[in-house]
Amino acid sequence: MNKRPVDMVIPVINDSCDRFGFNLLVFCFMPDHLHLLLGGQESSDLKDYMKVFKQVSAHSFKKEFNEILWQRSYYEHVLRRDEAVEDIALYILDNPVRAGMVQDFRQYPYSGSSLFDINEL
């Protein structure tokens, strides 16, 4: 993986979160997909968030790399009350381990969290 695309997309994620009333709780860039865990309010609109986030990041990516960044659709899952945010966050962060890319998710440079300090887990 290349750090440059990740560095380009992170600000777009954050700007879109600010614009649409979300908090970025966890992210994990994988070679062929991205995991986001967002916290929102009643007024937060995920459909609008994803449209703008994907559009803006894809445009920048296309200009820089002359390649398509995202597929048309995305998969969403709204957490139920019985699902612990921390468990979902750890599941997302552990993706590179399950993919055999690193032994410990703390070694993976393309993920992060505002929920907790990853190095203290």
PDB file of N, CA and C in Angstrom:
ATOM      1  N   MET A   1       0.836  -1.189   0.000  1.00  0.00           N
ATOM      2  CA  MET A   1       0.000   0.000   0.000  1.00  0.00           C
ATOM      3  C   MET A   1       0.873   1.242   0.000  1.00  0.00           C
ATOM      4  N   ASN A   2       0.307   2.310  -0.457  1.00  0.00           N
ATOM      5  CA  ASN A   2       1.013   3.572  -0.581  1.00  0.00           C
ATOM      6  C   ASN A   2       0.428   4.577   0.418  1.00  0.00           C
ATOM      7  N   LYS A   3       1.290   5.239   1.155  1.00  0.00           N
ATOM      8  CA  LYS A   3       0.829   6.195   2.161  1.00  0.00           C
ATOM      9  C   LYS A   3       0.195   7.451   1.548  1.00  0.00           C
ATOM     10  N   ARG A   4       0.609   7.838   0.358  1.00  0.00           N
ATOM     11  CA  ARG A   4       0.105   9.072  -0.257  1.00  0.00           C
ATOM     12  C   ARG A   4      -1.418   9.079  -0.427  1.00  0.00           C
ATOM     13  N   PRO A   5      -2.040   8.035  -0.977  1.00  0.00           N
ATOM     14  CA  PRO A   5      -3.504   8.063  -1.090  1.00  0.00           C
ATOM     15  C   PRO A   5      -4.200   8.171   0.273  1.00  0.00           C
ATOM     16  N   VAL A   6      -3.656   7.492   1.260  1.00  0.00           N
ATOM     17  CA  VAL A   6      -4.239   7.563   2.607  1.00  0.00           C
ATOM     18  C   VAL A   6      -4.149   8.996   3.127  1.00  0.00           C
ATOM     19  N   ASP A   7      -2.996   9.612   2.946  1.00  0.00           N
ATOM     20  CA  ASP A   7      -2.815  11.004   3.386  1.00  0.00           C
ATOM     21  C   ASP A   7      -3.748  11.960   2.651  1.00  0.00           C
ATOM     22  N   MET A   8      -4.104  11.630   1.419  1.00  0.00           N
ATOM     23  CA  MET A   8      -5.038  12.471   0.663  1.00  0.00           C
ATOM     24  C   MET A   8      -6.474  12.299   1.154  1.00  0.00           C
ATOM     25  N   VAL A   9      -6.837  11.098   1.543  1.00  0.00           N
ATOM     26  CA  VAL A   9      -8.227  10.789   1.870  1.00  0.00           C
ATOM     27  C   VAL A   9      -8.599  11.177   3.306  1.00  0.00           C
ATOM     28  N   ILE A  10      -7.680  11.053   4.240  1.00  0.00           N
ATOM     29  CA  ILE A  10      -7.987  11.361   5.658  1.00  0.00           C
ATOM     30  C   ILE A  10      -8.585  12.760   5.839  1.00  0.00           C
ATOM     31  N   PRO A  11      -8.014  13.819   5.257  1.00  0.00           N
ATOM     32  CA  PRO A  11      -8.636  15.140   5.432  1.00  0.00           C
ATOM     33  C   PRO A  11     -10.052  15.214   4.848  1.00  0.00           C
ATOM     34  N   VAL A  12     -10.288  14.495   3.767  1.00  0.00           N
ATOM     35  CA  VAL A  12     -11.629  14.491   3.173  1.00  0.00           C
ATOM     36  C   VAL A  12     -12.610  13.786   4.106  1.00  0.00           C
ATOM     37  N   ILE A  13     -12.170  12.707   4.729  1.00  0.00           N
ATOM     38  CA  ILE A  13     -13.015  12.022   5.720  1.00  0.00           C
ATOM     39  C   ILE A  13     -13.385  12.995   6.829  1.00  0.00           C
ATOM     40  N   ASN A  14     -12.375  13.677   7.369  1.00  0.00           N
ATOM     41  CA  ASN A  14     -12.612  14.602   8.483  1.00  0.00           C
ATOM     42  C   ASN A  14     -13.479  15.789   8.077  1.00  0.00           C
ATOM     43  N   ASP A  15     -13.215  16.375   6.913  1.00  0.00           N
ATOM     44  CA  ASP A  15     -14.031  17.496   6.441  1.00  0.00           C
ATOM     45  C   ASP A  15     -15.484  17.070   6.245  1.00  0.00           C
ATOM     46  N   SER A  16     -15.681  15.886   5.682  1.00  0.00           N
ATOM     47  CA  SER A  16     -17.041  15.377   5.475  1.00  0.00           C
ATOM     48  C   SER A  16     -17.731  15.105   6.807  1.00  0.00           C
ATOM     49  N   CYS A  17     -16.972  14.602   7.775  1.00  0.00           N
ATOM     50  CA  CYS A  17     -17.543  14.390   9.114  1.00  0.00           C
ATOM     51  C   CYS A  17     -18.025  15.714   9.696  1.00  0.00           C
ATOM     52  N   ASP A  18     -17.202  16.740   9.606  1.00  0.00           N
ATOM     53  CA  ASP A  18     -17.587  18.058  10.119  1.00  0.00           C
ATOM     54  C   ASP A  18     -18.839  18.575   9.413  1.00  0.00           C
ATOM     55  N   ARG A  19     -18.866  18.415   8.125  1.00  0.00           N
ATOM     56  CA  ARG A  19     -19.987  18.937   7.325  1.00  0.00           C
ATOM     57  C   ARG A  19     -21.305  18.223   7.610  1.00  0.00           C
ATOM     58  N   PHE A  20     -21.246  16.919   7.855  1.00  0.00           N
ATOM     59  CA  PHE A  20     -22.481  16.136   7.983  1.00  0.00           C
ATOM     60  C   PHE A  20     -22.763  15.647   9.402  1.00  0.00           C
ATOM     61  N   GLY A  21     -22.046  16.151  10.383  1.00  0.00           N
ATOM     62  CA  GLY A  21     -22.350  15.866  11.777  1.00  0.00           C
ATOM     63  C   GLY A  21     -21.945  14.481  12.249  1.00  0.00           C
ATOM     64  N   PHE A  22     -20.804  14.001  11.773  1.00  0.00           N
ATOM     65  CA  PHE A  22     -20.287  12.705  12.227  1.00  0.00           C
ATOM     66  C   PHE A  22     -18.970  12.905  12.957  1.00  0.00           C
ATOM     67  N   ASN A  23     -18.617  11.920  13.769  1.00  0.00           N
ATOM     68  CA  ASN A  23     -17.301  11.844  14.388  1.00  0.00           C
ATOM     69  C   ASN A  23     -16.618  10.605  13.833  1.00  0.00           C
ATOM     70  N   LEU A  24     -15.377  10.748  13.396  1.00  0.00           N
ATOM     71  CA  LEU A  24     -14.598   9.613  12.935  1.00  0.00           C
ATOM     72  C   LEU A  24     -14.048   8.895  14.158  1.00  0.00           C
ATOM     73  N   LEU A  25     -14.548   7.698  14.425  1.00  0.00           N
ATOM     74  CA  LEU A  25     -14.130   6.938  15.594  1.00  0.00           C
ATOM     75  C   LEU A  25     -12.970   5.999  15.276  1.00  0.00           C
ATOM     76  N   VAL A  26     -13.044   5.329  14.113  1.00  0.00           N
ATOM     77  CA  VAL A  26     -12.010   4.380  13.704  1.00  0.00           C
ATOM     78  C   VAL A  26     -11.946   4.359  12.181  1.00  0.00           C
ATOM     79  N   PHE A  27     -10.743   4.199  11.653  1.00  0.00           N
ATOM     80  CA  PHE A  27     -10.590   3.956  10.219  1.00  0.00           C
ATOM     81  C   PHE A  27      -9.520   2.902  10.006  1.00  0.00           C
ATOM     82  N   CYS A  28      -9.651   2.175   8.911  1.00  0.00           N
ATOM     83  CA  CYS A  28      -8.646   1.191   8.526  1.00  0.00           C
ATOM     84  C   CYS A  28      -8.664   1.068   7.006  1.00  0.00           C
ATOM     85  N   PHE A  29      -7.592   1.557   6.385  1.00  0.00           N
ATOM     86  CA  PHE A  29      -7.435   1.456   4.945  1.00  0.00           C
ATOM     87  C   PHE A  29      -6.808   0.104   4.628  1.00  0.00           C
ATOM     88  N   MET A  30      -7.506  -0.697   3.872  1.00  0.00           N
ATOM     89  CA  MET A  30      -6.984  -1.968   3.388  1.00  0.00           C
ATOM     90  C   MET A  30      -6.619  -1.773   1.911  1.00  0.00           C
ATOM     91  N   PRO A  31      -5.856  -2.690   1.328  1.00  0.00           N
ATOM     92  CA  PRO A  31      -5.454  -2.497  -0.070  1.00  0.00           C
ATOM     93  C   PRO A  31      -6.627  -2.339  -1.044  1.00  0.00           C
ATOM     94  N   ASP A  32      -7.756  -2.964  -0.753  1.00  0.00           N
ATOM     95  CA  ASP A  32      -8.874  -2.895  -1.703  1.00  0.00           C
ATOM     96  C   ASP A  32     -10.174  -2.372  -1.106  1.00  0.00           C
ATOM     97  N   HIS A  33     -10.129  -1.876   0.111  1.00  0.00           N
ATOM     98  CA  HIS A  33     -11.328  -1.295   0.714  1.00  0.00           C
ATOM     99  C   HIS A  33     -10.958  -0.472   1.954  1.00  0.00           C
ATOM    100  N   LEU A  34     -11.949   0.221   2.456  1.00  0.00           N
ATOM    101  CA  LEU A  34     -11.781   1.099   3.617  1.00  0.00           C
ATOM    102  C   LEU A  34     -12.871   0.791   4.631  1.00  0.00           C
ATOM    103  N   HIS A  35     -12.482   0.694   5.897  1.00  0.00           N
ATOM    104  CA  HIS A  35     -13.440   0.559   6.989  1.00  0.00           C
ATOM    105  C   HIS A  35     -13.502   1.883   7.736  1.00  0.00           C
ATOM    106  N   LEU A  36     -14.711   2.353   7.980  1.00  0.00           N
ATOM    107  CA  LEU A  36     -14.927   3.540   8.795  1.00  0.00           C
ATOM    108  C   LEU A  36     -15.921   3.201   9.888  1.00  0.00           C
ATOM    109  N   LEU A  37     -15.665   3.674  11.078  1.00  0.00           N
ATOM    110  CA  LEU A  37     -16.647   3.629  12.154  1.00  0.00           C
ATOM    111  C   LEU A  37     -16.924   5.079  12.508  1.00  0.00           C
ATOM    112  N   LEU A  38     -18.146   5.504  12.221  1.00  0.00           N
ATOM    113  CA  LEU A  38     -18.549   6.887  12.433  1.00  0.00           C
ATOM    114  C   LEU A  38     -19.591   6.957  13.529  1.00  0.00           C
ATOM    115  N   GLY A  39     -19.525   7.993  14.324  1.00  0.00           N
ATOM    116  CA  GLY A  39     -20.562   8.288  15.302  1.00  0.00           C
ATOM    117  C   GLY A  39     -21.354   9.479  14.806  1.00  0.00           C
ATOM    118  N   GLY A  40     -22.661   9.380  14.851  1.00  0.00           N
ATOM    119  CA  GLY A  40     -23.494  10.464  14.350  1.00  0.00           C
ATOM    120  C   GLY A  40     -24.596  10.830  15.321  1.00  0.00           C
ATOM    121  N   GLN A  41     -25.372  11.825  14.916  1.00  0.00           N
ATOM    122  CA  GLN A  41     -26.542  12.241  15.678  1.00  0.00           C
ATOM    123  C   GLN A  41     -27.793  11.919  14.847  1.00  0.00           C
ATOM    124  N   GLU A  42     -28.947  12.215  15.409  1.00  0.00           N
ATOM    125  CA  GLU A  42     -30.203  11.986  14.687  1.00  0.00           C
ATOM    126  C   GLU A  42     -30.227  12.703  13.349  1.00  0.00           C
ATOM    127  N   SER A  43     -29.620  13.869  13.287  1.00  0.00           N
ATOM    128  CA  SER A  43     -29.656  14.673  12.059  1.00  0.00           C
ATOM    129  C   SER A  43     -28.566  14.289  11.053  1.00  0.00           C
ATOM    130  N   SER A  44     -27.643  13.421  11.435  1.00  0.00           N
ATOM    131  CA  SER A  44     -26.560  13.016  10.537  1.00  0.00           C
ATOM    132  C   SER A  44     -27.128  12.163   9.401  1.00  0.00           C
ATOM    133  N   ASP A  45     -26.657  12.432   8.194  1.00  0.00           N
ATOM    134  CA  ASP A  45     -27.156  11.728   7.007  1.00  0.00           C
ATOM    135  C   ASP A  45     -26.005  10.972   6.347  1.00  0.00           C
ATOM    136  N   LEU A  46     -25.969   9.656   6.555  1.00  0.00           N
ATOM    137  CA  LEU A  46     -24.874   8.849   6.034  1.00  0.00           C
ATOM    138  C   LEU A  46     -24.849   8.831   4.514  1.00  0.00           C
ATOM    139  N   LYS A  47     -26.007   8.797   3.906  1.00  0.00           N
ATOM    140  CA  LYS A  47     -26.067   8.767   2.440  1.00  0.00           C
ATOM    141  C   LYS A  47     -25.401  10.017   1.851  1.00  0.00           C
ATOM    142  N   ASP A  48     -25.731  11.177   2.378  1.00  0.00           N
ATOM    143  CA  ASP A  48     -25.120  12.422   1.901  1.00  0.00           C
ATOM    144  C   ASP A  48     -23.622  12.452   2.221  1.00  0.00           C
ATOM    145  N   TYR A  49     -23.268  11.991   3.419  1.00  0.00           N
ATOM    146  CA  TYR A  49     -21.855  11.935   3.807  1.00  0.00           C
ATOM    147  C   TYR A  49     -21.066  11.116   2.798  1.00  0.00           C
ATOM    148  N   MET A  50     -21.528   9.892   2.531  1.00  0.00           N
ATOM    149  CA  MET A  50     -20.808   8.996   1.635  1.00  0.00           C
ATOM    150  C   MET A  50     -20.724   9.563   0.218  1.00  0.00           C
ATOM    151  N   LYS A  51     -21.795  10.171  -0.229  1.00  0.00           N
ATOM    152  CA  LYS A  51     -21.796  10.749  -1.581  1.00  0.00           C
ATOM    153  C   LYS A  51     -20.711  11.812  -1.705  1.00  0.00           C
ATOM    154  N   VAL A  52     -20.688  12.739  -0.777  1.00  0.00           N
ATOM    155  CA  VAL A  52     -19.718  13.838  -0.836  1.00  0.00           C
ATOM    156  C   VAL A  52     -18.306  13.325  -0.566  1.00  0.00           C
ATOM    157  N   PHE A  53     -18.139  12.513   0.457  1.00  0.00           N
ATOM    158  CA  PHE A  53     -16.814  11.974   0.783  1.00  0.00           C
ATOM    159  C   PHE A  53     -16.218  11.236  -0.408  1.00  0.00           C
ATOM    160  N   LYS A  54     -16.992  10.334  -1.006  1.00  0.00           N
ATOM    161  CA  LYS A  54     -16.481   9.560  -2.124  1.00  0.00           C
ATOM    162  C   LYS A  54     -16.225  10.443  -3.348  1.00  0.00           C
ATOM    163  N   GLN A  55     -17.103  11.382  -3.588  1.00  0.00           N
ATOM    164  CA  GLN A  55     -16.958  12.256  -4.749  1.00  0.00           C
ATOM    165  C   GLN A  55     -15.697  13.120  -4.639  1.00  0.00           C
ATOM    166  N   VAL A  56     -15.519  13.767  -3.509  1.00  0.00           N
ATOM    167  CA  VAL A  56     -14.371  14.665  -3.324  1.00  0.00           C
ATOM    168  C   VAL A  56     -13.060  13.874  -3.316  1.00  0.00           C
ATOM    169  N   SER A  57     -13.017  12.772  -2.580  1.00  0.00           N
ATOM    170  CA  SER A  57     -11.775  11.993  -2.515  1.00  0.00           C
ATOM    171  C   SER A  57     -11.461  11.344  -3.861  1.00  0.00           C
ATOM    172  N   ALA A  58     -12.479  10.872  -4.573  1.00  0.00           N
ATOM    173  CA  ALA A  58     -12.257  10.255  -5.883  1.00  0.00           C
ATOM    174  C   ALA A  58     -11.728  11.270  -6.892  1.00  0.00           C
ATOM    175  N   HIS A  59     -12.234  12.492  -6.813  1.00  0.00           N
ATOM    176  CA  HIS A  59     -11.782  13.539  -7.733  1.00  0.00           C
ATOM    177  C   HIS A  59     -10.291  13.835  -7.519  1.00  0.00           C
ATOM    178  N   SER A  60      -9.892  14.009  -6.275  1.00  0.00           N
ATOM    179  CA  SER A  60      -8.485  14.283  -5.957  1.00  0.00           C
ATOM    180  C   SER A  60      -7.596  13.116  -6.374  1.00  0.00           C
ATOM    181  N   PHE A  61      -8.071  11.914  -6.101  1.00  0.00           N
ATOM    182  CA  PHE A  61      -7.310  10.710  -6.436  1.00  0.00           C
ATOM    183  C   PHE A  61      -7.131  10.586  -7.951  1.00  0.00           C
ATOM    184  N   LYS A  62      -8.198  10.842  -8.679  1.00  0.00           N
ATOM    185  CA  LYS A  62      -8.154  10.751 -10.145  1.00  0.00           C
ATOM    186  C   LYS A  62      -7.160  11.772 -10.715  1.00  0.00           C
ATOM    187  N   LYS A  63      -7.172  12.981 -10.173  1.00  0.00           N
ATOM    188  CA  LYS A  63      -6.243  14.016 -10.632  1.00  0.00           C
ATOM    189  C   LYS A  63      -4.790  13.610 -10.386  1.00  0.00           C
ATOM    190  N   GLU A  64      -4.533  13.035  -9.227  1.00  0.00           N
ATOM    191  CA  GLU A  64      -3.150  12.706  -8.852  1.00  0.00           C
ATOM    192  C   GLU A  64      -2.658  11.395  -9.477  1.00  0.00           C
ATOM    193  N   PHE A  65      -3.504  10.376  -9.504  1.00  0.00           N
ATOM    194  CA  PHE A  65      -3.057   9.043  -9.917  1.00  0.00           C
ATOM    195  C   PHE A  65      -3.679   8.555 -11.228  1.00  0.00           C
ATOM    196  N   ASN A  66      -4.649   9.310 -11.746  1.00  0.00           N
ATOM    197  CA  ASN A  66      -5.359   8.940 -12.972  1.00  0.00           C
ATOM    198  C   ASN A  66      -5.971   7.529 -12.876  1.00  0.00           C
ATOM    199  N   GLU A  67      -6.525   7.233 -11.705  1.00  0.00           N
ATOM    200  CA  GLU A  67      -7.172   5.944 -11.462  1.00  0.00           C
ATOM    201  C   GLU A  67      -8.477   6.176 -10.708  1.00  0.00           C
ATOM    202  N   ILE A  68      -9.368   5.202 -10.815  1.00  0.00           N
ATOM    203  CA  ILE A  68     -10.625   5.240 -10.069  1.00  0.00           C
ATOM    204  C   ILE A  68     -10.355   4.732  -8.657  1.00  0.00           C
ATOM    205  N   LEU A  69     -10.892   5.421  -7.675  1.00  0.00           N
ATOM    206  CA  LEU A  69     -10.628   5.063  -6.281  1.00  0.00           C
ATOM    207  C   LEU A  69     -11.700   4.157  -5.693  1.00  0.00           C
ATOM    208  N   TRP A  70     -12.968   4.487  -5.876  1.00  0.00           N
ATOM    209  CA  TRP A  70     -14.055   3.793  -5.185  1.00  0.00           C
ATOM    210  C   TRP A  70     -14.956   3.042  -6.160  1.00  0.00           C
ATOM    211  N   GLN A  71     -15.558   1.992  -5.654  1.00  0.00           N
ATOM    212  CA  GLN A  71     -16.650   1.352  -6.390  1.00  0.00           C
ATOM    213  C   GLN A  71     -17.915   2.167  -6.138  1.00  0.00           C
ATOM    214  N   ARG A  72     -18.959   1.908  -6.893  1.00  0.00           N
ATOM    215  CA  ARG A  72     -20.185   2.699  -6.786  1.00  0.00           C
ATOM    216  C   ARG A  72     -20.874   2.582  -5.428  1.00  0.00           C
ATOM    217  N   SER A  73     -20.951   1.408  -4.895  1.00  0.00           N
ATOM    218  CA  SER A  73     -21.744   1.207  -3.683  1.00  0.00           C
ATOM    219  C   SER A  73     -20.850   1.160  -2.444  1.00  0.00           C
ATOM    220  N   TYR A  74     -21.484   0.959  -1.318  1.00  0.00           N
ATOM    221  CA  TYR A  74     -20.782   0.763  -0.066  1.00  0.00           C
ATOM    222  C   TYR A  74     -21.674  -0.076   0.838  1.00  0.00           C
ATOM    223  N   TYR A  75     -21.073  -0.681   1.831  1.00  0.00           N
ATOM    224  CA  TYR A  75     -21.818  -1.485   2.789  1.00  0.00           C
ATOM    225  C   TYR A  75     -21.903  -0.698   4.084  1.00  0.00           C
ATOM    226  N   GLU A  76     -23.099  -0.606   4.626  1.00  0.00           N
ATOM    227  CA  GLU A  76     -23.268   0.092   5.906  1.00  0.00           C
ATOM    228  C   GLU A  76     -23.879  -0.856   6.923  1.00  0.00           C
ATOM    229  N   HIS A  77     -23.552  -0.607   8.158  1.00  0.00           N
ATOM    230  CA  HIS A  77     -24.127  -1.363   9.262  1.00  0.00           C
ATOM    231  C   HIS A  77     -24.347  -0.383  10.407  1.00  0.00           C
ATOM    232  N   VAL A  78     -25.576  -0.229  10.810  1.00  0.00           N
ATOM    233  CA  VAL A  78     -25.896   0.634  11.945  1.00  0.00           C
ATOM    234  C   VAL A  78     -25.840  -0.229  13.196  1.00  0.00           C
ATOM    235  N   LEU A  79     -25.069   0.206  14.179  1.00  0.00           N
ATOM    236  CA  LEU A  79     -24.918  -0.580  15.399  1.00  0.00           C
ATOM    237  C   LEU A  79     -26.222  -0.604  16.192  1.00  0.00           C
ATOM    238  N   ARG A  80     -26.533  -1.786  16.680  1.00  0.00           N
ATOM    239  CA  ARG A  80     -27.682  -1.942  17.572  1.00  0.00           C
ATOM    240  C   ARG A  80     -27.239  -1.615  18.998  1.00  0.00           C
ATOM    241  N   ARG A  81     -28.203  -1.399  19.835  1.00  0.00           N
ATOM    242  CA  ARG A  81     -27.888  -1.037  21.229  1.00  0.00           C
ATOM    243  C   ARG A  81     -27.061  -2.116  21.938  1.00  0.00           C
ATOM    244  N   ASP A  82     -27.219  -3.372  21.542  1.00  0.00           N
ATOM    245  CA  ASP A  82     -26.492  -4.452  22.204  1.00  0.00           C
ATOM    246  C   ASP A  82     -25.089  -4.677  21.638  1.00  0.00           C
ATOM    247  N   GLU A  83     -24.685  -3.876  20.647  1.00  0.00           N
ATOM    248  CA  GLU A  83     -23.354  -3.992  20.072  1.00  0.00           C
ATOM    249  C   GLU A  83     -22.436  -2.931  20.705  1.00  0.00           C
ATOM    250  N   ALA A  84     -21.331  -3.384  21.232  1.00  0.00           N
ATOM    251  CA  ALA A  84     -20.383  -2.471  21.880  1.00  0.00           C
ATOM    252  C   ALA A  84     -19.511  -1.792  20.827  1.00  0.00           C
ATOM    253  N   VAL A  85     -19.467  -0.481  20.880  1.00  0.00           N
ATOM    254  CA  VAL A  85     -18.667   0.291  19.933  1.00  0.00           C
ATOM    255  C   VAL A  85     -17.204  -0.144  19.998  1.00  0.00           C
ATOM    256  N   GLU A  86     -16.705  -0.374  21.186  1.00  0.00           N
ATOM    257  CA  GLU A  86     -15.301  -0.773  21.344  1.00  0.00           C
ATOM    258  C   GLU A  86     -15.021  -2.107  20.660  1.00  0.00           C
ATOM    259  N   ASP A  87     -15.952  -3.055  20.752  1.00  0.00           N
ATOM    260  CA  ASP A  87     -15.772  -4.355  20.090  1.00  0.00           C
ATOM    261  C   ASP A  87     -15.712  -4.200  18.573  1.00  0.00           C
ATOM    262  N   ILE A  88     -16.582  -3.372  18.032  1.00  0.00           N
ATOM    263  CA  ILE A  88     -16.598  -3.129  16.587  1.00  0.00           C
ATOM    264  C   ILE A  88     -15.311  -2.423  16.170  1.00  0.00           C
ATOM    265  N   ALA A  89     -14.877  -1.471  16.969  1.00  0.00           N
ATOM    266  CA  ALA A  89     -13.633  -0.747  16.672  1.00  0.00           C
ATOM    267  C   ALA A  89     -12.450  -1.714  16.622  1.00  0.00           C
ATOM    268  N   LEU A  90     -12.361  -2.594  17.607  1.00  0.00           N
ATOM    269  CA  LEU A  90     -11.261  -3.560  17.633  1.00  0.00           C
ATOM    270  C   LEU A  90     -11.352  -4.537  16.461  1.00  0.00           C
ATOM    271  N   TYR A  91     -12.546  -4.920  16.084  1.00  0.00           N
ATOM    272  CA  TYR A  91     -12.736  -5.790  14.922  1.00  0.00           C
ATOM    273  C   TYR A  91     -12.197  -5.105  13.659  1.00  0.00           C
ATOM    274  N   ILE A  92     -12.521  -3.828  13.494  1.00  0.00           N
ATOM    275  CA  ILE A  92     -12.046  -3.074  12.334  1.00  0.00           C
ATOM    276  C   ILE A  92     -10.525  -2.961  12.362  1.00  0.00           C
ATOM    277  N   LEU A  93      -9.971  -2.599  13.489  1.00  0.00           N
ATOM    278  CA  LEU A  93      -8.523  -2.438  13.600  1.00  0.00           C
ATOM    279  C   LEU A  93      -7.776  -3.743  13.368  1.00  0.00           C
ATOM    280  N   ASP A  94      -8.419  -4.851  13.650  1.00  0.00           N
ATOM    281  CA  ASP A  94      -7.787  -6.166  13.517  1.00  0.00           C
ATOM    282  C   ASP A  94      -7.820  -6.699  12.077  1.00  0.00           C
ATOM    283  N   ASN A  95      -8.444  -5.982  11.154  1.00  0.00           N
ATOM    284  CA  ASN A  95      -8.519  -6.428   9.757  1.00  0.00           C
ATOM    285  C   ASN A  95      -7.159  -6.777   9.156  1.00  0.00           C
ATOM    286  N   PRO A  96      -6.143  -5.953   9.313  1.00  0.00           N
ATOM    287  CA  PRO A  96      -4.842  -6.297   8.720  1.00  0.00           C
ATOM    288  C   PRO A  96      -4.228  -7.565   9.312  1.00  0.00           C
ATOM    289  N   VAL A  97      -4.538  -7.867  10.562  1.00  0.00           N
ATOM    290  CA  VAL A  97      -4.054  -9.098  11.188  1.00  0.00           C
ATOM    291  C   VAL A  97      -4.751 -10.291  10.544  1.00  0.00           C
ATOM    292  N   ARG A  98      -6.072 -10.218  10.426  1.00  0.00           N
ATOM    293  CA  ARG A  98      -6.819 -11.323   9.802  1.00  0.00           C
ATOM    294  C   ARG A  98      -6.403 -11.525   8.348  1.00  0.00           C
ATOM    295  N   ALA A  99      -5.973 -10.454   7.685  1.00  0.00           N
ATOM    296  CA  ALA A  99      -5.529 -10.548   6.293  1.00  0.00           C
ATOM    297  C   ALA A  99      -4.074 -11.015   6.177  1.00  0.00           C
ATOM    298  N   GLY A 100      -3.409 -11.217   7.310  1.00  0.00           N
ATOM    299  CA  GLY A 100      -2.032 -11.691   7.302  1.00  0.00           C
ATOM    300  C   GLY A 100      -1.007 -10.629   6.943  1.00  0.00           C
ATOM    301  N   MET A 101      -1.375  -9.377   7.074  1.00  0.00           N
ATOM    302  CA  MET A 101      -0.480  -8.283   6.697  1.00  0.00           C
ATOM    303  C   MET A 101       0.470  -7.890   7.826  1.00  0.00           C
ATOM    304  N   VAL A 102       0.024  -8.044   9.068  1.00  0.00           N
ATOM    305  CA  VAL A 102       0.828  -7.741  10.257  1.00  0.00           C
ATOM    306  C   VAL A 102       0.473  -8.751  11.342  1.00  0.00           C
ATOM    307  N   GLN A 103       1.339  -8.859  12.330  1.00  0.00           N
ATOM    308  CA  GLN A 103       1.091  -9.755  13.464  1.00  0.00           C
ATOM    309  C   GLN A 103       0.205  -9.095  14.527  1.00  0.00           C
ATOM    310  N   ASP A 104       0.312  -7.780  14.614  1.00  0.00           N
ATOM    311  CA  ASP A 104      -0.407  -7.015  15.622  1.00  0.00           C
ATOM    312  C   ASP A 104      -0.934  -5.748  14.958  1.00  0.00           C
ATOM    313  N   PHE A 105      -2.190  -5.393  15.195  1.00  0.00           N
ATOM    314  CA  PHE A 105      -2.778  -4.245  14.502  1.00  0.00           C
ATOM    315  C   PHE A 105      -2.046  -2.937  14.793  1.00  0.00           C
ATOM    316  N   ARG A 106      -1.336  -2.869  15.896  1.00  0.00           N
ATOM    317  CA  ARG A 106      -0.579  -1.655  16.223  1.00  0.00           C
ATOM    318  C   ARG A 106       0.559  -1.407  15.232  1.00  0.00           C
ATOM    319  N   GLN A 107       0.962  -2.447  14.508  1.00  0.00           N
ATOM    320  CA  GLN A 107       2.036  -2.332  13.514  1.00  0.00           C
ATOM    321  C   GLN A 107       1.538  -1.761  12.189  1.00  0.00           C
ATOM    322  N   TYR A 108       0.233  -1.701  12.010  1.00  0.00           N
ATOM    323  CA  TYR A 108      -0.331  -1.312  10.717  1.00  0.00           C
ATOM    324  C   TYR A 108      -0.417   0.213  10.628  1.00  0.00           C
ATOM    325  N   PRO A 109       0.235   0.822   9.639  1.00  0.00           N
ATOM    326  CA  PRO A 109       0.316   2.286   9.592  1.00  0.00           C
ATOM    327  C   PRO A 109      -0.894   2.991   8.983  1.00  0.00           C
ATOM    328  N   TYR A 110      -1.870   2.244   8.466  1.00  0.00           N
ATOM    329  CA  TYR A 110      -2.974   2.862   7.735  1.00  0.00           C
ATOM    330  C   TYR A 110      -4.303   2.767   8.483  1.00  0.00           C
ATOM    331  N   SER A 111      -4.234   2.838   9.791  1.00  0.00           N
ATOM    332  CA  SER A 111      -5.454   2.815  10.602  1.00  0.00           C
ATOM    333  C   SER A 111      -5.274   3.750  11.783  1.00  0.00           C
ATOM    334  N   GLY A 112      -6.396   4.074  12.419  1.00  0.00           N
ATOM    335  CA  GLY A 112      -6.334   4.963  13.566  1.00  0.00           C
ATOM    336  C   GLY A 112      -7.669   5.031  14.279  1.00  0.00           C
ATOM    337  N   SER A 113      -7.660   5.661  15.428  1.00  0.00           N
ATOM    338  CA  SER A 113      -8.859   5.737  16.249  1.00  0.00           C
ATOM    339  C   SER A 113      -8.853   6.994  17.098  1.00  0.00           C
ATOM    340  N   SER A 114     -10.029   7.574  17.245  1.00  0.00           N
ATOM    341  CA  SER A 114     -10.187   8.666  18.197  1.00  0.00           C
ATOM    342  C   SER A 114     -10.863   8.162  19.473  1.00  0.00           C
ATOM    343  N   LEU A 115     -11.244   6.882  19.491  1.00  0.00           N
ATOM    344  CA  LEU A 115     -11.878   6.299  20.675  1.00  0.00           C
ATOM    345  C   LEU A 115     -10.872   6.026  21.784  1.00  0.00           C
ATOM    346  N   PHE A 116      -9.710   5.559  21.382  1.00  0.00           N
ATOM    347  CA  PHE A 116      -8.697   5.217  22.366  1.00  0.00           C
ATOM    348  C   PHE A 116      -7.325   5.277  21.722  1.00  0.00           C
ATOM    349  N   ASP A 117      -6.312   5.305  22.550  1.00  0.00           N
ATOM    350  CA  ASP A 117      -4.932   5.290  22.067  1.00  0.00           C
ATOM    351  C   ASP A 117      -4.602   3.853  21.683  1.00  0.00           C
ATOM    352  N   ILE A 118      -4.388   3.629  20.399  1.00  0.00           N
ATOM    353  CA  ILE A 118      -4.167   2.278  19.890  1.00  0.00           C
ATOM    354  C   ILE A 118      -2.966   1.618  20.569  1.00  0.00           C
ATOM    355  N   ASN A 119      -1.948   2.375  20.865  1.00  0.00           N
ATOM    356  CA  ASN A 119      -0.748   1.810  21.468  1.00  0.00           C
ATOM    357  C   ASN A 119      -0.948   1.354  22.909  1.00  0.00           C
ATOM    358  N   GLU A 120      -2.060   1.772  23.530  1.00  0.00           N
ATOM    359  CA  GLU A 120      -2.322   1.376  24.900  1.00  0.00           C
ATOM    360  C   GLU A 120      -3.262   0.172  24.998  1.00  0.00           C
ATOM    361  N   LEU A 121      -3.701  -0.348  23.886  1.00  0.00           N
ATOM    362  CA  LEU A 121      -4.591  -1.514  23.916  1.00  0.00           C
ATOM    363  C   LEU A 121      -3.818  -2.803  24.086  1.00  0.00           C
TER     364      LEU A 121
END
